[in-house]
Protein backbone atom coordinates (compact mmCIF):
# COMPACT_ATOMS: atom_id res chain seq x y z
CA MET A 1 64.77 -41.93 -61.33
CA LYS A 2 65.77 -45.28 -59.86
CA ARG A 3 69.37 -44.68 -60.93
CA TRP A 4 69.36 -41.29 -59.17
CA ILE A 5 68.13 -42.89 -55.95
CA TYR A 6 70.75 -45.64 -56.25
CA CYS A 7 73.54 -43.05 -56.63
CA LEU A 8 72.29 -41.06 -53.65
CA VAL A 9 72.21 -44.15 -51.44
CA LEU A 10 75.72 -45.09 -52.57
CA VAL A 11 77.01 -41.59 -51.74
CA LEU A 12 75.41 -41.69 -48.30
CA ILE A 13 76.86 -45.12 -47.53
CA THR A 14 80.31 -44.00 -48.70
CA ALA A 15 80.11 -40.83 -46.60
CA PHE A 16 79.05 -42.85 -43.57
CA ILE A 17 82.01 -45.24 -43.97
CA VAL A 18 84.49 -42.39 -44.46
CA LEU A 19 83.19 -40.50 -41.42
CA ASN A 20 83.35 -43.61 -39.26
CA LEU A 21 86.92 -44.31 -40.35
CA LYS A 22 87.86 -40.70 -39.59
CA THR A 23 86.21 -40.89 -36.17
CA ASN A 24 87.79 -44.23 -35.24
CA PHE A 25 91.29 -42.93 -35.99
CA GLU A 26 90.78 -39.53 -34.36
CA LYS A 27 93.25 -38.75 -31.59
CA PRO A 28 92.34 -36.71 -28.49
CA LYS A 29 94.00 -33.38 -27.89
CA PHE A 30 95.73 -33.07 -24.54
CA ILE A 31 98.11 -30.49 -23.16
CA TYR A 32 99.32 -31.77 -19.80
CA GLU A 33 101.73 -34.66 -19.41
CA ASP A 34 99.90 -35.73 -16.26
CA SER A 35 96.55 -35.88 -18.03
CA PRO A 36 94.70 -39.17 -17.33
CA ASP A 37 93.34 -39.18 -20.90
CA LEU A 38 95.97 -41.64 -22.16
CA ASN A 39 96.86 -43.12 -18.79
CA SER A 40 98.28 -46.64 -18.95
CA LYS A 41 99.78 -46.81 -15.46
CA GLY A 42 96.61 -47.67 -13.57
CA ILE A 43 94.40 -45.52 -11.38
CA ASP A 44 96.21 -42.88 -9.36
CA VAL A 45 95.42 -43.28 -5.67
CA SER A 46 94.21 -39.66 -5.46
CA ASN A 47 91.63 -40.40 -8.16
CA ASN A 48 90.29 -43.59 -6.63
CA ASN A 49 87.37 -44.13 -4.29
CA PHE A 50 87.93 -43.59 -0.58
CA PHE A 51 86.12 -44.37 2.66
CA ILE A 52 86.41 -42.40 5.92
CA ASN A 53 84.72 -44.20 8.78
CA ASN A 54 83.33 -42.33 11.79
CA SER A 55 81.24 -43.33 14.75
CA ASN A 56 78.06 -41.26 14.89
CA GLY A 57 75.98 -43.49 12.59
CA LEU A 58 75.48 -40.83 9.91
CA GLY A 59 77.02 -41.33 6.47
CA VAL A 60 77.31 -39.52 3.16
CA LEU A 61 77.88 -40.97 -0.31
CA LEU A 62 79.75 -38.52 -2.56
CA VAL A 63 79.32 -38.86 -6.33
CA HIS A 64 81.65 -36.85 -8.57
CA GLY A 65 80.88 -35.28 -11.94
CA LEU A 66 81.45 -36.33 -15.55
CA GLY A 67 85.11 -36.76 -16.48
CA ALA A 68 86.24 -36.04 -12.92
CA SER A 69 87.12 -38.41 -10.07
CA PRO A 70 86.73 -38.68 -6.28
CA TYR A 71 89.55 -36.14 -6.05
CA GLN A 72 86.90 -33.54 -6.90
CA THR A 73 85.13 -34.28 -3.62
CA THR A 74 88.12 -34.25 -1.23
CA GLU A 75 87.55 -30.79 0.24
CA LEU A 76 83.91 -31.47 1.12
CA ALA A 77 84.79 -34.99 2.29
CA SER A 78 87.40 -33.64 4.71
CA PHE A 79 84.97 -31.04 6.04
CA LEU A 80 82.27 -33.64 6.74
CA ALA A 81 84.72 -36.18 8.18
CA GLU A 82 85.94 -33.56 10.65
CA LYS A 83 82.29 -33.29 11.76
CA ASN A 84 82.38 -37.02 12.64
CA ILE A 85 80.37 -38.07 9.57
CA THR A 86 81.25 -41.25 7.67
CA VAL A 87 82.15 -40.44 4.06
CA TYR A 88 82.27 -42.76 1.06
CA SER A 89 83.39 -41.14 -2.20
CA ILE A 90 82.95 -43.51 -5.13
CA ARG A 91 84.77 -43.59 -8.46
CA LEU A 92 82.33 -44.01 -11.33
CA SER A 93 83.16 -46.57 -14.04
CA GLY A 94 85.52 -45.28 -16.73
CA HIS A 95 86.71 -42.33 -14.67
CA GLY A 96 90.34 -41.86 -13.65
CA THR A 97 91.47 -44.61 -16.03
CA ASN A 98 91.76 -43.68 -19.72
CA LEU A 99 89.53 -42.40 -22.53
CA THR A 100 89.08 -45.81 -24.14
CA ASP A 101 87.67 -47.17 -20.90
CA PHE A 102 85.63 -43.99 -20.37
CA GLU A 103 84.12 -44.19 -23.85
CA SER A 104 83.02 -47.81 -23.31
CA LYS A 105 80.80 -47.04 -20.32
CA LYS A 106 77.09 -46.18 -20.30
CA TRP A 107 75.11 -44.09 -17.84
CA THR A 108 73.54 -47.27 -16.52
CA ASP A 109 77.03 -48.38 -15.42
CA TRP A 110 77.38 -45.15 -13.43
CA TYR A 111 73.93 -45.65 -11.94
CA LYS A 112 74.87 -49.17 -10.80
CA ASP A 113 78.03 -47.76 -9.20
CA THR A 114 75.89 -45.26 -7.30
CA GLU A 115 73.38 -47.88 -6.23
CA ASP A 116 76.10 -50.26 -5.08
CA GLY A 117 77.90 -47.47 -3.24
CA TYR A 118 74.78 -46.42 -1.38
CA SER A 119 73.92 -50.02 -0.50
CA TYR A 120 77.38 -50.50 1.00
CA LEU A 121 77.22 -47.23 2.94
CA LYS A 122 73.87 -48.28 4.44
CA THR A 123 75.51 -51.40 5.86
CA GLN A 124 78.04 -49.17 7.65
CA THR A 125 75.70 -46.46 8.98
CA LYS A 126 72.25 -46.02 10.44
CA LYS A 127 71.38 -43.10 8.18
CA ALA A 128 72.86 -42.28 4.78
CA TYR A 129 72.61 -39.28 2.47
CA ILE A 130 73.82 -38.85 -1.10
CA ILE A 131 75.63 -35.75 -2.35
CA GLY A 132 76.08 -35.56 -6.11
CA ILE A 133 77.87 -32.92 -8.17
CA SER A 134 76.82 -32.24 -11.78
CA SER A 135 76.17 -35.61 -13.47
CA GLY A 136 76.65 -37.11 -10.01
CA ALA A 137 73.63 -35.05 -8.93
CA LEU A 138 71.63 -36.65 -11.74
CA LEU A 139 72.65 -40.08 -10.47
CA ALA A 140 71.68 -39.15 -6.91
CA LEU A 141 68.27 -37.95 -8.09
CA SER A 142 67.81 -41.11 -10.17
CA LEU A 143 68.64 -43.30 -7.18
CA ALA A 144 66.14 -41.42 -5.00
CA GLU A 145 63.49 -41.98 -7.66
CA LYS A 146 64.09 -45.74 -7.82
CA LYS A 147 65.21 -46.59 -4.28
CA GLU A 148 64.47 -45.44 -0.76
CA VAL A 149 67.20 -43.11 0.50
CA ASP A 150 67.40 -40.97 3.63
CA GLY A 151 67.98 -37.76 1.72
CA LEU A 152 70.14 -36.15 -0.93
CA VAL A 153 71.95 -33.00 -2.03
CA ALA A 154 71.93 -32.24 -5.76
CA ILE A 155 74.63 -29.75 -6.76
CA ALA A 156 74.59 -28.20 -10.24
CA ALA A 157 72.37 -30.92 -11.71
CA PRO A 158 72.60 -30.36 -15.50
CA LEU A 159 68.93 -30.65 -16.39
CA TYR A 160 69.31 -27.71 -18.77
CA LEU A 161 72.74 -27.41 -20.35
CA LYS A 162 73.90 -24.17 -21.95
CA ASP A 163 75.58 -25.93 -24.87
CA TRP A 164 72.77 -26.41 -27.43
CA ARG A 165 74.89 -28.95 -29.30
CA ILE A 166 73.93 -31.56 -26.68
CA ASN A 167 70.76 -32.13 -28.75
CA LEU A 168 72.80 -32.82 -31.90
CA LEU A 169 74.96 -35.55 -30.37
CA PRO A 170 73.28 -38.39 -32.32
CA ILE A 171 74.73 -36.72 -35.43
CA ILE A 172 77.91 -35.22 -33.96
CA GLN A 173 79.18 -38.56 -32.66
CA LEU A 174 79.19 -39.85 -36.24
CA TYR A 175 81.99 -37.49 -37.28
CA GLN A 176 83.63 -36.31 -34.04
CA ARG A 177 84.99 -38.70 -31.45
CA TYR A 178 86.21 -36.30 -28.76
CA ARG A 179 85.21 -32.92 -27.42
CA TYR A 180 88.04 -30.98 -25.79
CA PHE A 181 87.00 -29.34 -22.51
CA GLY A 182 90.34 -28.73 -20.84
CA VAL A 183 91.00 -28.51 -17.10
CA ASP A 184 92.04 -25.71 -14.79
CA SER A 185 95.23 -25.89 -12.76
CA THR A 186 93.48 -27.38 -9.72
CA GLN A 187 92.39 -30.50 -11.61
CA ILE A 188 95.41 -31.41 -13.74
CA GLY A 189 95.93 -35.16 -13.50
CA HIS A 190 92.54 -35.68 -11.83
CA ALA A 191 90.04 -34.99 -14.62
CA TYR A 192 89.95 -35.75 -18.33
CA GLU A 193 90.79 -32.95 -20.73
CA ASN A 194 88.60 -34.59 -23.37
CA ILE A 195 85.13 -36.12 -23.22
CA PRO A 196 84.19 -38.68 -25.90
CA THR A 197 81.06 -37.63 -27.80
CA LYS A 198 79.60 -41.08 -27.14
CA THR A 199 79.99 -40.36 -23.43
CA LEU A 200 78.30 -36.98 -23.83
CA TYR A 201 75.43 -38.81 -25.49
CA GLN A 202 75.20 -41.01 -22.39
CA LEU A 203 75.00 -37.83 -20.29
CA ARG A 204 72.15 -36.63 -22.52
CA SER A 205 70.31 -39.94 -21.95
CA LEU A 206 70.86 -39.65 -18.19
CA VAL A 207 69.41 -36.12 -18.21
CA TRP A 208 66.23 -37.31 -19.91
CA SER A 209 65.86 -40.28 -17.58
CA THR A 210 66.34 -38.06 -14.52
CA ILE A 211 63.80 -35.47 -15.67
CA GLU A 212 61.19 -38.17 -16.17
CA GLY A 213 61.60 -39.40 -12.59
CA LEU A 214 61.76 -36.14 -10.60
CA SER A 215 58.10 -36.16 -9.62
CA LYS A 216 58.53 -39.61 -8.00
CA ILE A 217 61.07 -38.39 -5.45
CA THR A 218 59.69 -38.10 -1.92
CA GLU A 219 62.90 -37.90 0.14
CA PRO A 220 64.29 -34.67 1.64
CA VAL A 221 66.29 -32.86 -1.05
CA MET A 222 68.67 -29.90 -1.02
CA ILE A 223 69.26 -28.27 -4.41
CA VAL A 224 72.41 -26.18 -4.88
CA GLN A 225 73.01 -24.10 -8.01
CA SER A 226 75.31 -21.23 -8.94
CA THR A 227 73.94 -18.34 -10.98
CA LYS A 228 77.46 -18.01 -12.48
CA ASP A 229 77.53 -21.62 -13.71
CA LYS A 230 79.09 -21.63 -17.19
CA LEU A 231 77.70 -25.04 -18.12
CA VAL A 232 74.22 -25.27 -16.59
CA TYR A 233 71.30 -22.86 -16.70
CA PRO A 234 70.06 -21.83 -13.21
CA LYS A 235 66.56 -22.81 -14.34
CA SER A 236 67.72 -26.41 -13.80
CA ALA A 237 67.46 -25.80 -10.05
CA GLU A 238 64.11 -24.05 -10.42
CA TYR A 239 62.69 -26.93 -12.43
CA ALA A 240 63.91 -29.60 -10.00
CA PHE A 241 62.60 -27.61 -7.04
CA LYS A 242 59.17 -27.40 -8.67
CA GLU A 243 58.94 -31.03 -9.79
CA ILE A 244 60.16 -32.88 -6.69
CA ASN A 245 57.26 -33.88 -4.46
CA THR A 246 58.78 -33.30 -1.05
CA THR A 247 59.78 -30.60 1.36
CA ASN A 248 63.07 -29.46 -0.11
CA GLU A 249 65.57 -26.64 0.18
CA LYS A 250 67.26 -24.56 -2.48
CA ILE A 251 70.48 -22.57 -2.33
CA LEU A 252 71.55 -20.24 -5.15
CA MET A 253 75.19 -19.16 -5.21
CA THR A 254 76.14 -15.88 -6.84
CA SER A 255 79.86 -16.17 -7.58
CA ILE A 256 81.09 -19.79 -7.70
CA ASN A 257 81.39 -21.63 -11.01
CA HIS A 258 79.89 -25.03 -11.93
CA ALA A 259 81.66 -27.43 -9.54
CA VAL A 260 80.60 -25.61 -6.40
CA ILE A 261 82.37 -27.91 -3.92
CA ARG A 262 85.93 -27.52 -5.20
CA ALA A 263 88.46 -24.72 -5.57
CA TYR A 264 89.05 -23.05 -8.94
CA GLU A 265 92.19 -21.39 -10.21
CA ASN A 266 92.30 -17.63 -9.63
CA GLU A 267 89.18 -17.74 -7.46
CA SER A 268 88.29 -14.75 -5.33
CA GLU A 269 87.98 -14.53 -1.58
CA SER A 270 84.20 -14.28 -1.99
CA ASP A 271 84.25 -17.63 -3.83
CA LYS A 272 86.00 -19.28 -0.88
CA ILE A 273 83.57 -17.75 1.60
CA GLU A 274 80.59 -18.83 -0.46
CA ARG A 275 81.90 -22.38 -0.83
CA GLN A 276 82.32 -22.59 2.93
CA LYS A 277 78.75 -21.39 3.28
CA VAL A 278 77.61 -24.25 1.02
CA PHE A 279 79.54 -26.75 3.14
CA ASN A 280 77.89 -25.47 6.31
CA GLU A 281 74.42 -25.53 4.73
CA ILE A 282 74.96 -29.11 3.55
CA TYR A 283 76.09 -30.16 7.03
CA ASN A 284 73.06 -28.53 8.66
CA PHE A 285 70.77 -30.21 6.14
CA ILE A 286 72.04 -33.74 6.76
CA ILE A 287 72.06 -33.51 10.56
CA GLN A 288 68.56 -32.04 10.93
């Protein structure tokens, strides 16, 4: 009996070592030459943080989604800047650099980036809102739970993800290093094609932390969610709307995909109209 247990333990240890060696040597799959996945030339200026200063005393911190970069926020940033609003779009740690850097970061690093960004914006404006997209929405909600903010917009916050494998990440990351997501033509060179499974595990941890803190939020909140989101269940918006203890607003889109604030390849005219509607609703929310 003892010998059987000894053999089983030896097999498990051997399997663990083999899987770890396989994972460590695994190479990411990428299709586009301009992909930032293996970038060694430094951060492209279009993927870096940017600040647009205006004079009316109202500012907005923009927080992009997982694997993306501030480039994702440029259309909304331009719209708000034209309305004389100060805009600060931050680049979260590990984004727009390379996958090795990306894989080394934890969600707490992204939270610190968000906190630092908001603190800086407050020194430049009298009133400051946060607008987060996807995982950026989770960071915005987390900041509102821990710090006093003037208000926030949470777009496509992934409280409930459609991919059930998110719950198996503690196991998956032992034998798979990267998950290939791909990018559409509008994001080539600006978002990673691959997401490290360790990074996805950090997203999972951020989701749990955010859910635990929703009931502590008392600031004005706008929740934006598309019913056609391929990554996030619409019930994420319903849950957040129910849990947050403040007067908040909710907008449900009917045609746009996950990243509501940016253009998609082959999008319809109704998508463009609906995205413009979102921009206008966000503007009305932050100036009220």
